[in-house]
Amino acid sequence: MQILSAIKSKSSIWNEIMIVFGGVVLLFAASQIEIPLEPVPITLQTVAVMLIGLTYTPRRALESFLMWLGLAAAGLPVLASFKGGLSYLTGPTFGYLVGFVISAYVMATLKQKLSLRSWISDTVLCLVGTGIVLSLGVAWLSYLIGFEKALMCGVLPFILPGLVKAGLLCTALQILRHYQRG
């Protein structure tokens, strides 16, 4: 019995590691799909943030983001445009990156605690998450370039794409859940 328990435990640990690794890979891939804008590009990172927030446990979401940002801090090119390093990490996108971590964690926590699974609840969670990301992003950007310019460059261009990404993601998740139920 102890051998079976040990095998199951190792298998569970392996699964958890792969979930976190999958989150890191998703974040890396989503970071590379971008529309270059200055000072902050539009990327699919927010889709990865929302997907992780809607499907991961709070702990696994946090672990995935911290690993991804740790790799970036170490200089690995895992951020948008294959960038990495502390100087890039703490540049104009720093607030958004911090927002990603907090957003995914809050979304996953609310989803788990409230047992939310509908399209409407997913959409509301995505809007909450997006609000967190944009708030922290504009706060940091305001520090660098001023509040008015931060709103013009760091919020307005992201509103419509953010709504479209959230709607498409939530719809896709509902379709997948429908087919999983049979």
Protein backbone atom coordinates (compact mmCIF):
# COMPACT_ATOMS: atom_id res chain seq x y z
CA MET A 1 0.00 0.00 0.00
CA GLN A 2 2.82 2.41 0.79
CA ILE A 3 4.35 1.84 -2.63
CA LEU A 4 1.04 2.66 -4.38
CA SER A 5 0.65 5.73 -2.20
CA ALA A 6 4.20 6.87 -3.03
CA ILE A 7 3.63 6.32 -6.77
CA LYS A 8 0.35 8.25 -6.64
CA SER A 9 2.03 11.05 -4.69
CA LYS A 10 4.88 11.31 -7.21
CA SER A 11 2.39 11.27 -10.08
CA SER A 12 0.40 14.06 -8.42
CA ILE A 13 3.55 16.13 -7.90
CA TRP A 14 4.52 15.59 -11.54
CA ASN A 15 1.05 16.72 -12.65
CA GLU A 16 1.31 19.87 -10.54
CA ILE A 17 4.75 20.66 -11.99
CA MET A 18 3.41 20.21 -15.51
CA ILE A 19 0.45 22.51 -14.79
CA VAL A 20 2.80 25.27 -13.62
CA PHE A 21 5.16 24.64 -16.55
CA GLY A 22 2.16 24.77 -18.91
CA GLY A 23 1.23 28.17 -17.51
CA VAL A 24 4.76 29.45 -18.07
CA VAL A 25 4.77 28.17 -21.66
CA LEU A 26 1.34 29.72 -22.28
CA LEU A 27 2.53 33.07 -20.92
CA PHE A 28 5.69 32.93 -23.02
CA ALA A 29 3.79 32.09 -26.22
CA ALA A 30 1.09 34.70 -25.61
CA SER A 31 3.77 37.32 -24.98
CA GLN A 32 5.16 36.91 -28.47
CA ILE A 33 1.88 37.67 -30.26
CA GLU A 34 1.75 41.43 -30.24
CA ILE A 35 0.73 44.64 -31.91
CA PRO A 36 3.64 46.98 -31.28
CA LEU A 37 2.55 50.20 -29.61
CA GLU A 38 4.60 52.59 -27.52
CA PRO A 39 5.20 52.51 -24.66
CA VAL A 40 3.17 49.29 -24.07
CA PRO A 41 2.33 46.78 -26.84
CA ILE A 42 -1.00 45.00 -27.16
CA THR A 43 -0.31 41.29 -26.66
CA LEU A 44 -2.18 38.09 -26.01
CA GLN A 45 -0.68 38.05 -22.50
CA THR A 46 -4.01 39.19 -21.11
CA VAL A 47 -5.72 36.17 -22.69
CA ALA A 48 -3.20 33.93 -20.94
CA VAL A 49 -3.81 35.81 -17.69
CA MET A 50 -7.56 35.36 -17.99
CA LEU A 51 -7.30 31.70 -19.02
CA ILE A 52 -5.02 30.90 -16.10
CA GLY A 53 -7.24 32.90 -13.74
CA LEU A 54 -10.32 31.00 -14.90
CA THR A 55 -8.82 27.49 -14.95
CA TYR A 56 -6.00 27.27 -12.39
CA THR A 57 -6.09 27.11 -8.62
CA PRO A 58 -4.90 30.31 -6.98
CA ARG A 59 -1.66 28.64 -5.89
CA ARG A 60 -0.84 27.21 -9.33
CA ALA A 61 -1.67 30.54 -10.98
CA LEU A 62 0.68 32.35 -8.60
CA GLU A 63 3.43 29.76 -9.11
CA SER A 64 3.15 30.02 -12.90
CA PHE A 65 3.40 33.81 -12.91
CA LEU A 66 6.23 33.95 -10.40
CA MET A 67 8.19 31.36 -12.37
CA TRP A 68 7.61 33.29 -15.62
CA LEU A 69 8.64 36.60 -14.06
CA GLY A 70 11.60 34.91 -12.35
CA LEU A 71 12.80 33.66 -15.73
CA ALA A 72 12.36 37.18 -17.13
CA ALA A 73 14.29 38.69 -14.20
CA ALA A 74 17.08 36.19 -14.81
CA GLY A 75 17.38 37.57 -18.35
CA LEU A 76 15.61 34.84 -20.31
CA PRO A 77 13.65 36.29 -23.27
CA VAL A 78 10.16 35.26 -22.10
CA LEU A 79 8.43 38.65 -22.26
CA ALA A 80 7.00 40.45 -25.30
CA SER A 81 9.34 40.74 -28.28
CA PHE A 82 11.56 38.04 -26.74
CA LYS A 83 12.77 40.47 -24.08
CA GLY A 84 13.98 39.75 -20.59
CA GLY A 85 16.17 41.14 -17.83
CA LEU A 86 15.57 43.48 -14.93
CA SER A 87 15.87 46.66 -17.00
CA TYR A 88 13.08 45.54 -19.35
CA LEU A 89 11.04 44.01 -16.53
CA THR A 90 10.99 47.30 -14.61
CA GLY A 91 10.30 49.43 -17.69
CA PRO A 92 6.93 50.81 -18.84
CA THR A 93 5.22 47.40 -18.64
CA PHE A 94 6.14 46.73 -14.99
CA GLY A 95 2.72 47.73 -13.62
CA TYR A 96 0.94 45.50 -16.13
CA LEU A 97 3.19 42.55 -15.26
CA VAL A 98 2.45 42.98 -11.55
CA GLY A 99 -1.20 43.35 -12.49
CA PHE A 100 -1.07 40.02 -14.34
CA VAL A 101 0.04 38.22 -11.19
CA ILE A 102 -2.54 39.84 -8.94
CA SER A 103 -5.30 39.57 -11.53
CA ALA A 104 -4.86 35.84 -12.15
CA TYR A 105 -4.63 35.14 -8.42
CA VAL A 106 -7.76 37.17 -7.61
CA MET A 107 -9.69 35.61 -10.50
CA ALA A 108 -8.70 32.06 -9.50
CA THR A 109 -9.53 32.74 -5.85
CA LEU A 110 -12.97 34.18 -6.62
CA LYS A 111 -13.72 31.38 -9.08
CA GLN A 112 -12.75 28.74 -6.52
CA LYS A 113 -14.41 30.30 -3.47
CA LEU A 114 -17.67 31.14 -5.24
CA SER A 115 -17.80 28.01 -7.48
CA LEU A 116 -18.44 30.11 -10.58
CA ARG A 117 -18.83 28.34 -13.94
CA SER A 118 -21.18 30.36 -16.15
CA TRP A 119 -20.36 32.54 -19.14
CA ILE A 120 -21.56 35.60 -17.24
CA SER A 121 -19.45 34.86 -14.16
CA ASP A 122 -16.41 34.15 -16.32
CA THR A 123 -16.94 37.42 -18.17
CA VAL A 124 -17.31 39.37 -14.92
CA LEU A 125 -14.12 37.75 -13.60
CA CYS A 126 -12.31 38.70 -16.82
CA LEU A 127 -13.51 42.29 -16.48
CA VAL A 128 -12.35 42.37 -12.85
CA GLY A 129 -8.99 40.92 -13.90
CA THR A 130 -8.64 43.37 -16.75
CA GLY A 131 -9.50 46.22 -14.40
CA ILE A 132 -6.73 45.13 -12.04
CA VAL A 133 -4.20 44.89 -14.85
CA LEU A 134 -5.11 48.28 -16.34
CA SER A 135 -5.21 49.99 -12.93
CA LEU A 136 -1.76 48.81 -11.93
CA GLY A 137 -0.44 49.37 -15.43
CA VAL A 138 -1.63 52.96 -15.59
CA ALA A 139 -0.42 53.62 -12.04
CA TRP A 140 3.14 52.64 -12.95
CA LEU A 141 2.97 54.32 -16.33
CA SER A 142 1.72 57.53 -14.66
CA TYR A 143 4.82 57.50 -12.52
CA LEU A 144 6.94 57.36 -15.69
CA ILE A 145 5.06 59.60 -18.15
CA GLY A 146 2.25 61.35 -16.26
CA PHE A 147 -1.35 60.40 -15.61
CA GLU A 148 -3.04 61.90 -18.68
CA LYS A 149 -0.53 60.42 -21.12
CA ALA A 150 -0.68 57.09 -19.26
CA LEU A 151 -4.45 56.97 -19.76
CA MET A 152 -4.12 57.83 -23.45
CA CYS A 153 -1.31 55.33 -24.13
CA GLY A 154 -1.88 52.71 -21.45
CA VAL A 155 -5.64 52.30 -21.10
CA LEU A 156 -7.65 53.59 -24.07
CA PRO A 157 -5.96 51.39 -26.72
CA PHE A 158 -6.59 48.32 -24.55
CA ILE A 159 -10.31 48.67 -23.81
CA LEU A 160 -11.84 47.34 -27.04
CA PRO A 161 -9.24 44.58 -27.59
CA GLY A 162 -9.65 43.57 -23.94
CA LEU A 163 -13.42 43.25 -24.26
CA VAL A 164 -13.10 41.23 -27.47
CA LYS A 165 -10.46 38.91 -25.97
CA ALA A 166 -12.53 38.36 -22.82
CA GLY A 167 -15.70 37.62 -24.78
CA LEU A 168 -13.99 35.17 -27.13
CA LEU A 169 -12.17 33.41 -24.30
CA CYS A 170 -15.30 33.03 -22.16
CA THR A 171 -17.28 31.75 -25.14
CA ALA A 172 -14.55 29.23 -26.00
CA LEU A 173 -14.43 28.01 -22.38
CA GLN A 174 -18.19 27.53 -22.31
CA ILE A 175 -18.07 25.54 -25.55
CA LEU A 176 -15.30 23.33 -24.12
CA ARG A 177 -17.23 22.80 -20.88
CA HIS A 178 -20.34 21.89 -22.88
CA TYR A 179 -18.44 19.21 -24.81
CA GLN A 180 -16.73 17.92 -21.65
CA ARG A 181 -20.13 17.33 -20.03
CA GLY A 182 -21.16 15.28 -23.04
